[in-house]
Amino acid sequence: MPLRAVIKAGGSKGVSRDAVADLVAQVARQDEIVLVHGASAETDRLGEALGVAQEQITSPSGHVSRRTDRRTLEVFALAALGVENFQYVEKLQQRGIDAVGLSGLSGRLLVAKKKDVRAVRDGKTMILRDDYTGTVEAVNLPLLTQLIGPGRVPVVAPLALSTENEALNVDGDRVAARIAAAIDADALLILTNVPGLLRDVNDPDSLVAETTIAEAEGLAQGRMKKKILAAREALDAGVEEVVIRSATGDPSVRTVIRA
């Protein structure tokens, strides 16, 4: 019986699309795989090329993120669908896998609730009414399951449709967790540009090889916090394990997280 897994490929610099495609193609010949990908580095590149300034905002808790106004959303969609999704589908087809390119807008695959985004400016907290980010609340499972099978891989870009039928940018790690929960996946694999969860972000030798979600939450710093949040959401939904590792290099160098 084939295993089911969701693979999330990070969109940051240092994540090799060829390495991701090699892995997906290897396992998708016998197992049921969904690939979710990010597009952060490509969004930065295209934004600069198109002259669209990328504004960083700081939340009341101190978290810094990209502001997604309508123009930035369009640049993100161009990066996610026009470059990342296109390239992953092409590379998987070259490796003999029938890849199907999608975004969460396709067939209402992902439905999300628009966030009330708060930002601190000049010492004051305000709500950004023109921010197009959201949190996925529903996955169109009947549509997705039609596209899953050995040798066939849905490739999902992290865009969703809001409950008001607007396009939204949604976090790729959490999208992967929601899809893993929806398809009753055995595992969630998060491929990134670091070896895994580190006790010290400046020391790659401080890798945590195996841990519980409770310990991982205490250790996570910076961008890893979102990945650990996604791990919790997957594990809480019944996914057996979450693996975080580099997209390249030795696959045994990794962090395995269980409930």
C-alpha atoms as a PDB file:
ATOM      1  CA  MET A   1       0.000   0.000   0.000  1.00  0.00           C
ATOM      2  CA  PRO A   2       1.502   3.365  -0.989  1.00  0.00           C
ATOM      3  CA  LEU A   3       2.359   5.910   1.645  1.00  0.00           C
ATOM      4  CA  ARG A   4       0.929   9.411   1.511  1.00  0.00           C
ATOM      5  CA  ALA A   5       3.098  12.431   2.199  1.00  0.00           C
ATOM      6  CA  VAL A   6       3.218  16.166   1.640  1.00  0.00           C
ATOM      7  CA  ILE A   7       6.545  17.708   0.673  1.00  0.00           C
ATOM      8  CA  LYS A   8       7.005  21.441   1.215  1.00  0.00           C
ATOM      9  CA  ALA A   9       9.821  23.078  -0.754  1.00  0.00           C
ATOM     10  CA  GLY A  10      10.929  26.395   0.705  1.00  0.00           C
ATOM     11  CA  GLY A  11      11.077  29.459  -1.502  1.00  0.00           C
ATOM     12  CA  SER A  12      14.185  31.008   0.065  1.00  0.00           C
ATOM     13  CA  LYS A  13      17.604  31.264  -1.567  1.00  0.00           C
ATOM     14  CA  GLY A  14      19.597  28.073  -1.288  1.00  0.00           C
ATOM     15  CA  VAL A  15      16.733  25.665  -2.009  1.00  0.00           C
ATOM     16  CA  SER A  16      17.614  23.754  -5.189  1.00  0.00           C
ATOM     17  CA  ARG A  17      14.622  23.096  -7.428  1.00  0.00           C
ATOM     18  CA  ASP A  18      16.516  20.243  -9.093  1.00  0.00           C
ATOM     19  CA  ALA A  19      17.228  18.574  -5.746  1.00  0.00           C
ATOM     20  CA  VAL A  20      13.552  18.909  -4.763  1.00  0.00           C
ATOM     21  CA  ALA A  21      12.409  17.515  -8.121  1.00  0.00           C
ATOM     22  CA  ASP A  22      14.837  14.584  -7.841  1.00  0.00           C
ATOM     23  CA  LEU A  23      13.449  13.661  -4.419  1.00  0.00           C
ATOM     24  CA  VAL A  24       9.799  14.063  -5.401  1.00  0.00           C
ATOM     25  CA  ALA A  25      10.292  12.023  -8.560  1.00  0.00           C
ATOM     26  CA  GLN A  26      12.059   9.260  -6.627  1.00  0.00           C
ATOM     27  CA  VAL A  27       9.298   8.769  -4.063  1.00  0.00           C
ATOM     28  CA  ALA A  28       6.298   9.635  -6.262  1.00  0.00           C
ATOM     29  CA  ARG A  29       6.788   6.598  -8.472  1.00  0.00           C
ATOM     30  CA  GLN A  30       5.447   4.350  -5.731  1.00  0.00           C
ATOM     31  CA  ASP A  31       3.929   6.683  -3.127  1.00  0.00           C
ATOM     32  CA  GLU A  32       1.234   9.374  -3.159  1.00  0.00           C
ATOM     33  CA  ILE A  33       2.831  12.804  -2.928  1.00  0.00           C
ATOM     34  CA  VAL A  34       1.623  16.410  -2.893  1.00  0.00           C
ATOM     35  CA  LEU A  35       4.259  19.097  -3.443  1.00  0.00           C
ATOM     36  CA  VAL A  36       3.722  22.557  -1.949  1.00  0.00           C
ATOM     37  CA  HIS A  37       6.274  25.271  -2.691  1.00  0.00           C
ATOM     38  CA  GLY A  38       7.130  28.790  -1.604  1.00  0.00           C
ATOM     39  CA  ALA A  39       8.300  31.777  -3.650  1.00  0.00           C
ATOM     40  CA  SER A  40       9.876  34.331  -1.311  1.00  0.00           C
ATOM     41  CA  ALA A  41      13.233  34.759  -3.059  1.00  0.00           C
ATOM     42  CA  GLU A  42      11.610  34.880  -6.494  1.00  0.00           C
ATOM     43  CA  THR A  43       9.123  37.486  -5.234  1.00  0.00           C
ATOM     44  CA  ASP A  44      12.031  39.643  -4.059  1.00  0.00           C
ATOM     45  CA  ARG A  45      13.765  39.256  -7.420  1.00  0.00           C
ATOM     46  CA  LEU A  46      10.708  40.055  -9.508  1.00  0.00           C
ATOM     47  CA  GLY A  47       9.671  42.921  -7.250  1.00  0.00           C
ATOM     48  CA  GLU A  48      13.043  44.537  -7.759  1.00  0.00           C
ATOM     49  CA  ALA A  49      12.981  43.919 -11.520  1.00  0.00           C
ATOM     50  CA  LEU A  50       9.481  45.399 -11.838  1.00  0.00           C
ATOM     51  CA  GLY A  51      10.162  48.331  -9.545  1.00  0.00           C
ATOM     52  CA  VAL A  52       7.645  47.219  -6.936  1.00  0.00           C
ATOM     53  CA  ALA A  53       9.013  48.118  -3.509  1.00  0.00           C
ATOM     54  CA  GLN A  54       8.818  45.321  -0.923  1.00  0.00           C
ATOM     55  CA  GLU A  55       7.692  46.833   2.373  1.00  0.00           C
ATOM     56  CA  GLN A  56       8.568  45.076   5.628  1.00  0.00           C
ATOM     57  CA  ILE A  57       6.192  45.424   8.550  1.00  0.00           C
ATOM     58  CA  THR A  58       6.662  44.675  12.250  1.00  0.00           C
ATOM     59  CA  SER A  59       3.857  43.080  14.256  1.00  0.00           C
ATOM     60  CA  PRO A  60       3.109  44.056  17.871  1.00  0.00           C
ATOM     61  CA  SER A  61       4.986  40.870  18.930  1.00  0.00           C
ATOM     62  CA  GLY A  62       8.082  41.961  16.986  1.00  0.00           C
ATOM     63  CA  HIS A  63       7.711  39.568  14.027  1.00  0.00           C
ATOM     64  CA  VAL A  64       8.932  41.094  10.754  1.00  0.00           C
ATOM     65  CA  SER A  65       7.225  40.070   7.505  1.00  0.00           C
ATOM     66  CA  ARG A  66       6.479  41.224   3.982  1.00  0.00           C
ATOM     67  CA  ARG A  67       3.478  43.494   3.563  1.00  0.00           C
ATOM     68  CA  THR A  68       1.175  42.082   0.901  1.00  0.00           C
ATOM     69  CA  ASP A  69      -0.771  44.943  -0.639  1.00  0.00           C
ATOM     70  CA  ARG A  70      -2.592  44.274  -3.928  1.00  0.00           C
ATOM     71  CA  ARG A  71       0.400  45.050  -6.155  1.00  0.00           C
ATOM     72  CA  THR A  72       2.711  42.865  -4.053  1.00  0.00           C
ATOM     73  CA  LEU A  73       0.113  40.087  -4.194  1.00  0.00           C
ATOM     74  CA  GLU A  74       0.228  40.263  -7.977  1.00  0.00           C
ATOM     75  CA  VAL A  75       4.044  40.072  -7.945  1.00  0.00           C
ATOM     76  CA  PHE A  76       3.850  37.112  -5.560  1.00  0.00           C
ATOM     77  CA  ALA A  77       1.366  35.360  -7.861  1.00  0.00           C
ATOM     78  CA  LEU A  78       3.697  35.948 -10.806  1.00  0.00           C
ATOM     79  CA  ALA A  79       6.613  34.513  -8.817  1.00  0.00           C
ATOM     80  CA  ALA A  80       4.691  31.570  -7.370  1.00  0.00           C
ATOM     81  CA  LEU A  81       2.755  30.533 -10.471  1.00  0.00           C
ATOM     82  CA  GLY A  82       4.743  32.037 -13.320  1.00  0.00           C
ATOM     83  CA  VAL A  83       8.165  30.878 -12.145  1.00  0.00           C
ATOM     84  CA  GLU A  84       8.177  28.412  -9.226  1.00  0.00           C
ATOM     85  CA  ASN A  85       5.129  26.340 -10.154  1.00  0.00           C
ATOM     86  CA  PHE A  86       6.053  26.377 -13.837  1.00  0.00           C
ATOM     87  CA  GLN A  87       9.586  25.186 -13.124  1.00  0.00           C
ATOM     88  CA  TYR A  88       8.581  22.425 -10.716  1.00  0.00           C
ATOM     89  CA  VAL A  89       5.987  21.075 -13.135  1.00  0.00           C
ATOM     90  CA  GLU A  90       8.519  21.176 -15.975  1.00  0.00           C
ATOM     91  CA  LYS A  91      11.262  19.502 -13.929  1.00  0.00           C
ATOM     92  CA  LEU A  92       8.956  16.735 -12.704  1.00  0.00           C
ATOM     93  CA  GLN A  93       7.662  16.064 -16.197  1.00  0.00           C
ATOM     94  CA  GLN A  94      11.285  15.769 -17.342  1.00  0.00           C
ATOM     95  CA  ARG A  95      11.747  13.103 -14.652  1.00  0.00           C
ATOM     96  CA  GLY A  96       8.752  11.080 -15.811  1.00  0.00           C
ATOM     97  CA  ILE A  97       6.236  12.330 -13.228  1.00  0.00           C
ATOM     98  CA  ASP A  98       2.846  13.632 -14.378  1.00  0.00           C
ATOM     99  CA  ALA A  99       2.886  16.878 -12.401  1.00  0.00           C
ATOM    100  CA  VAL A 100      -0.259  19.029 -12.259  1.00  0.00           C
ATOM    101  CA  GLY A 101       0.316  22.722 -11.509  1.00  0.00           C
ATOM    102  CA  LEU A 102      -2.218  24.378  -9.215  1.00  0.00           C
ATOM    103  CA  SER A 103      -2.723  27.269  -6.886  1.00  0.00           C
ATOM    104  CA  GLY A 104      -5.215  27.355  -4.053  1.00  0.00           C
ATOM    105  CA  LEU A 105      -7.449  29.443  -6.311  1.00  0.00           C
ATOM    106  CA  SER A 106      -7.823  26.540  -8.755  1.00  0.00           C
ATOM    107  CA  GLY A 107     -11.213  24.946  -8.194  1.00  0.00           C
ATOM    108  CA  ARG A 108     -11.366  26.598  -4.749  1.00  0.00           C
ATOM    109  CA  LEU A 109      -8.658  24.172  -3.648  1.00  0.00           C
ATOM    110  CA  LEU A 110      -7.790  26.331  -0.628  1.00  0.00           C
ATOM    111  CA  VAL A 111     -10.280  28.615   1.098  1.00  0.00           C
ATOM    112  CA  ALA A 112      -8.853  31.051   3.623  1.00  0.00           C
ATOM    113  CA  LYS A 113      -9.930  33.695   6.078  1.00  0.00           C
ATOM    114  CA  LYS A 114      -8.377  37.097   5.521  1.00  0.00           C
ATOM    115  CA  LYS A 115      -6.175  38.185   8.409  1.00  0.00           C
ATOM    116  CA  ASP A 116      -6.496  41.370  10.401  1.00  0.00           C
ATOM    117  CA  VAL A 117      -2.872  42.376   9.963  1.00  0.00           C
ATOM    118  CA  ARG A 118      -1.547  44.658  12.690  1.00  0.00           C
ATOM    119  CA  ALA A 119       1.645  46.648  12.289  1.00  0.00           C
ATOM    120  CA  VAL A 120       3.577  48.998  14.539  1.00  0.00           C
ATOM    121  CA  ARG A 121       4.460  52.359  13.004  1.00  0.00           C
ATOM    122  CA  ASP A 122       5.971  55.252  14.893  1.00  0.00           C
ATOM    123  CA  GLY A 123       5.159  53.478  18.133  1.00  0.00           C
ATOM    124  CA  LYS A 124       1.475  53.042  17.256  1.00  0.00           C
ATOM    125  CA  THR A 125      -0.339  49.809  16.370  1.00  0.00           C
ATOM    126  CA  MET A 126      -2.655  49.935  13.367  1.00  0.00           C
ATOM    127  CA  ILE A 127      -4.646  47.503  11.241  1.00  0.00           C
ATOM    128  CA  LEU A 128      -3.608  47.354   7.579  1.00  0.00           C
ATOM    129  CA  ARG A 129      -6.894  47.196   5.677  1.00  0.00           C
ATOM    130  CA  ASP A 130      -5.244  46.643   2.291  1.00  0.00           C
ATOM    131  CA  ASP A 131      -3.202  43.566   3.235  1.00  0.00           C
ATOM    132  CA  TYR A 132      -3.997  40.390   1.309  1.00  0.00           C
ATOM    133  CA  THR A 133      -2.816  37.588   3.566  1.00  0.00           C
ATOM    134  CA  GLY A 134      -4.879  34.850   5.101  1.00  0.00           C
ATOM    135  CA  THR A 135      -5.065  31.558   6.986  1.00  0.00           C
ATOM    136  CA  VAL A 136      -6.337  28.433   5.255  1.00  0.00           C
ATOM    137  CA  GLU A 137      -9.553  27.082   6.747  1.00  0.00           C
ATOM    138  CA  ALA A 138     -10.627  24.472   4.186  1.00  0.00           C
ATOM    139  CA  VAL A 139      -9.084  22.164   1.581  1.00  0.00           C
ATOM    140  CA  ASN A 140     -11.099  20.899  -1.395  1.00  0.00           C
ATOM    141  CA  LEU A 141     -10.358  17.239  -0.748  1.00  0.00           C
ATOM    142  CA  PRO A 142     -12.527  15.758  -3.553  1.00  0.00           C
ATOM    143  CA  LEU A 143     -10.626  17.848  -6.113  1.00  0.00           C
ATOM    144  CA  LEU A 144      -7.215  17.081  -4.656  1.00  0.00           C
ATOM    145  CA  THR A 145      -7.730  13.330  -4.374  1.00  0.00           C
ATOM    146  CA  GLN A 146      -8.563  13.144  -8.089  1.00  0.00           C
ATOM    147  CA  LEU A 147      -5.014  14.309  -8.787  1.00  0.00           C
ATOM    148  CA  ILE A 148      -3.081  12.152  -6.312  1.00  0.00           C
ATOM    149  CA  GLY A 149      -1.599   8.806  -7.245  1.00  0.00           C
ATOM    150  CA  PRO A 150       1.681   6.989  -7.906  1.00  0.00           C
ATOM    151  CA  GLY A 151       3.413   8.772 -10.771  1.00  0.00           C
ATOM    152  CA  ARG A 152       1.170  11.827 -10.520  1.00  0.00           C
ATOM    153  CA  VAL A 153       1.846  14.836  -8.291  1.00  0.00           C
ATOM    154  CA  PRO A 154      -0.239  17.958  -7.617  1.00  0.00           C
ATOM    155  CA  VAL A 155       2.129  20.954  -7.339  1.00  0.00           C
ATOM    156  CA  VAL A 156       0.480  23.637  -5.201  1.00  0.00           C
ATOM    157  CA  ALA A 157       1.388  27.324  -5.029  1.00  0.00           C
ATOM    158  CA  PRO A 158       0.408  29.017  -1.730  1.00  0.00           C
ATOM    159  CA  LEU A 159      -2.406  31.251  -2.901  1.00  0.00           C
ATOM    160  CA  ALA A 160      -5.935  30.840  -1.592  1.00  0.00           C
ATOM    161  CA  LEU A 161      -9.412  32.177  -2.181  1.00  0.00           C
ATOM    162  CA  SER A 162     -10.927  34.184   0.641  1.00  0.00           C
ATOM    163  CA  THR A 163     -14.447  33.719   1.911  1.00  0.00           C
ATOM    164  CA  GLU A 164     -15.146  36.996   0.032  1.00  0.00           C
ATOM    165  CA  ASN A 165     -13.703  35.466  -3.174  1.00  0.00           C
ATOM    166  CA  GLU A 166     -10.495  37.509  -3.126  1.00  0.00           C
ATOM    167  CA  ALA A 167      -7.051  36.050  -3.779  1.00  0.00           C
ATOM    168  CA  LEU A 168      -4.829  35.812  -0.681  1.00  0.00           C
ATOM    169  CA  ASN A 169      -1.198  35.006   0.036  1.00  0.00           C
ATOM    170  CA  VAL A 170      -1.041  32.155   2.571  1.00  0.00           C
ATOM    171  CA  ASP A 171       1.936  30.679   4.415  1.00  0.00           C
ATOM    172  CA  GLY A 172       3.343  27.706   2.501  1.00  0.00           C
ATOM    173  CA  ASP A 173       4.385  25.678   5.555  1.00  0.00           C
ATOM    174  CA  ARG A 174       0.920  25.931   7.067  1.00  0.00           C
ATOM    175  CA  VAL A 175      -0.681  25.164   3.693  1.00  0.00           C
ATOM    176  CA  ALA A 176       1.386  21.974   3.591  1.00  0.00           C
ATOM    177  CA  ALA A 177       0.227  21.091   7.114  1.00  0.00           C
ATOM    178  CA  ARG A 178      -3.433  21.649   6.227  1.00  0.00           C
ATOM    179  CA  ILE A 179      -3.144  19.530   3.100  1.00  0.00           C
ATOM    180  CA  ALA A 180      -1.327  16.800   5.033  1.00  0.00           C
ATOM    181  CA  ALA A 181      -4.180  16.760   7.533  1.00  0.00           C
ATOM    182  CA  ALA A 182      -6.834  16.747   4.810  1.00  0.00           C
ATOM    183  CA  ILE A 183      -5.378  13.793   2.897  1.00  0.00           C
ATOM    184  CA  ASP A 184      -4.567  11.853   6.080  1.00  0.00           C
ATOM    185  CA  ALA A 185      -0.868  11.880   5.217  1.00  0.00           C
ATOM    186  CA  ASP A 186       1.633   9.638   6.944  1.00  0.00           C
ATOM    187  CA  ALA A 187       4.288  12.366   7.006  1.00  0.00           C
ATOM    188  CA  LEU A 188       5.046  15.999   6.259  1.00  0.00           C
ATOM    189  CA  LEU A 189       8.528  16.762   4.901  1.00  0.00           C
ATOM    190  CA  ILE A 190       9.677  20.400   4.995  1.00  0.00           C
ATOM    191  CA  LEU A 191      12.680  21.082   2.758  1.00  0.00           C
ATOM    192  CA  THR A 192      14.552  24.270   3.527  1.00  0.00           C
ATOM    193  CA  ASN A 193      18.013  25.885   3.296  1.00  0.00           C
ATOM    194  CA  VAL A 194      19.131  24.795   6.778  1.00  0.00           C
ATOM    195  CA  PRO A 195      19.907  21.277   8.115  1.00  0.00           C
ATOM    196  CA  GLY A 196      16.893  21.254  10.423  1.00  0.00           C
ATOM    197  CA  LEU A 197      16.020  22.598  13.865  1.00  0.00           C
ATOM    198  CA  LEU A 198      19.140  24.006  15.526  1.00  0.00           C
ATOM    199  CA  ARG A 199      19.753  24.704  19.198  1.00  0.00           C
ATOM    200  CA  ASP A 200      21.965  27.582  18.067  1.00  0.00           C
ATOM    201  CA  VAL A 201      21.050  29.195  14.725  1.00  0.00           C
ATOM    202  CA  ASN A 202      24.702  30.184  14.263  1.00  0.00           C
ATOM    203  CA  ASP A 203      25.992  26.637  14.744  1.00  0.00           C
ATOM    204  CA  PRO A 204      24.986  24.087  12.083  1.00  0.00           C
ATOM    205  CA  ASP A 205      26.449  21.328  14.293  1.00  0.00           C
ATOM    206  CA  SER A 206      23.789  22.002  16.958  1.00  0.00           C
ATOM    207  CA  LEU A 207      21.163  20.050  15.020  1.00  0.00           C
ATOM    208  CA  VAL A 208      18.336  18.480  17.020  1.00  0.00           C
ATOM    209  CA  ALA A 209      18.000  15.071  15.352  1.00  0.00           C
ATOM    210  CA  GLU A 210      14.804  13.918  17.057  1.00  0.00           C
ATOM    211  CA  THR A 211      12.430  15.785  19.313  1.00  0.00           C
ATOM    212  CA  THR A 212       8.878  16.274  20.502  1.00  0.00           C
ATOM    213  CA  ILE A 213       6.731  19.133  19.315  1.00  0.00           C
ATOM    214  CA  ALA A 214       6.775  20.636  22.828  1.00  0.00           C
ATOM    215  CA  GLU A 215      10.580  20.755  22.872  1.00  0.00           C
ATOM    216  CA  ALA A 216      10.729  22.031  19.304  1.00  0.00           C
ATOM    217  CA  GLU A 217       8.470  24.960  20.151  1.00  0.00           C
ATOM    218  CA  GLY A 218      10.838  25.971  22.915  1.00  0.00           C
ATOM    219  CA  LEU A 219      13.885  25.827  20.642  1.00  0.00           C
ATOM    220  CA  ALA A 220      12.541  27.455  17.476  1.00  0.00           C
ATOM    221  CA  GLN A 221      13.801  30.903  16.546  1.00  0.00           C
ATOM    222  CA  GLY A 222      13.110  33.294  13.671  1.00  0.00           C
ATOM    223  CA  ARG A 223      11.627  31.772  10.536  1.00  0.00           C
ATOM    224  CA  MET A 224      11.783  28.294  12.080  1.00  0.00           C
ATOM    225  CA  LYS A 225       8.871  29.264  14.354  1.00  0.00           C
ATOM    226  CA  LYS A 226       6.433  29.128  11.429  1.00  0.00           C
ATOM    227  CA  LYS A 227       7.702  25.696  10.454  1.00  0.00           C
ATOM    228  CA  ILE A 228       7.252  24.405  13.988  1.00  0.00           C
ATOM    229  CA  LEU A 229       3.758  25.908  14.082  1.00  0.00           C
ATOM    230  CA  ALA A 230       2.992  24.012  10.879  1.00  0.00           C
ATOM    231  CA  ALA A 231       4.476  20.874  12.452  1.00  0.00           C
ATOM    232  CA  ARG A 232       2.150  21.188  15.442  1.00  0.00           C
ATOM    233  CA  GLU A 233      -0.886  21.670  13.215  1.00  0.00           C
ATOM    234  CA  ALA A 234       0.014  18.565  11.213  1.00  0.00           C
ATOM    235  CA  LEU A 235       0.743  16.401  14.253  1.00  0.00           C
ATOM    236  CA  ASP A 236      -2.393  17.559  16.068  1.00  0.00           C
ATOM    237  CA  ALA A 237      -4.393  16.497  13.007  1.00  0.00           C
ATOM    238  CA  GLY A 238      -2.986  12.966  13.116  1.00  0.00           C
ATOM    239  CA  VAL A 239       0.048  13.123  10.805  1.00  0.00           C
ATOM    240  CA  GLU A 240       2.552  10.665  12.314  1.00  0.00           C
ATOM    241  CA  GLU A 241       5.750  12.672  11.914  1.00  0.00           C
ATOM    242  CA  VAL A 242       7.194  15.885  10.531  1.00  0.00           C
ATOM    243  CA  VAL A 243      10.716  15.983   9.079  1.00  0.00           C
ATOM    244  CA  ILE A 244      12.634  19.220   8.542  1.00  0.00           C
ATOM    245  CA  ARG A 245      15.846  19.075   6.547  1.00  0.00           C
ATOM    246  CA  SER A 246      17.924  20.759   3.885  1.00  0.00           C
ATOM    247  CA  ALA A 247      16.761  20.335   0.311  1.00  0.00           C
ATOM    248  CA  THR A 248      20.298  19.250  -0.585  1.00  0.00           C
ATOM    249  CA  GLY A 249      22.934  17.110   1.074  1.00  0.00           C
ATOM    250  CA  ASP A 250      22.703  14.028   3.239  1.00  0.00           C
ATOM    251  CA  PRO A 251      19.016  13.140   3.888  1.00  0.00           C
ATOM    252  CA  SER A 252      19.974  11.539   7.224  1.00  0.00           C
ATOM    253  CA  VAL A 253      20.936  14.997   8.540  1.00  0.00           C
ATOM    254  CA  ARG A 254      17.502  16.160   9.607  1.00  0.00           C
ATOM    255  CA  THR A 255      15.121  16.854  12.436  1.00  0.00           C
ATOM    256  CA  VAL A 256      12.297  14.392  13.062  1.00  0.00           C
ATOM    257  CA  ILE A 257       9.412  15.726  15.155  1.00  0.00           C
ATOM    258  CA  ARG A 258       6.733  13.583  16.716  1.00  0.00           C
ATOM    259  CA  ALA A 259       3.882  14.440  19.038  1.00  0.00           C
END
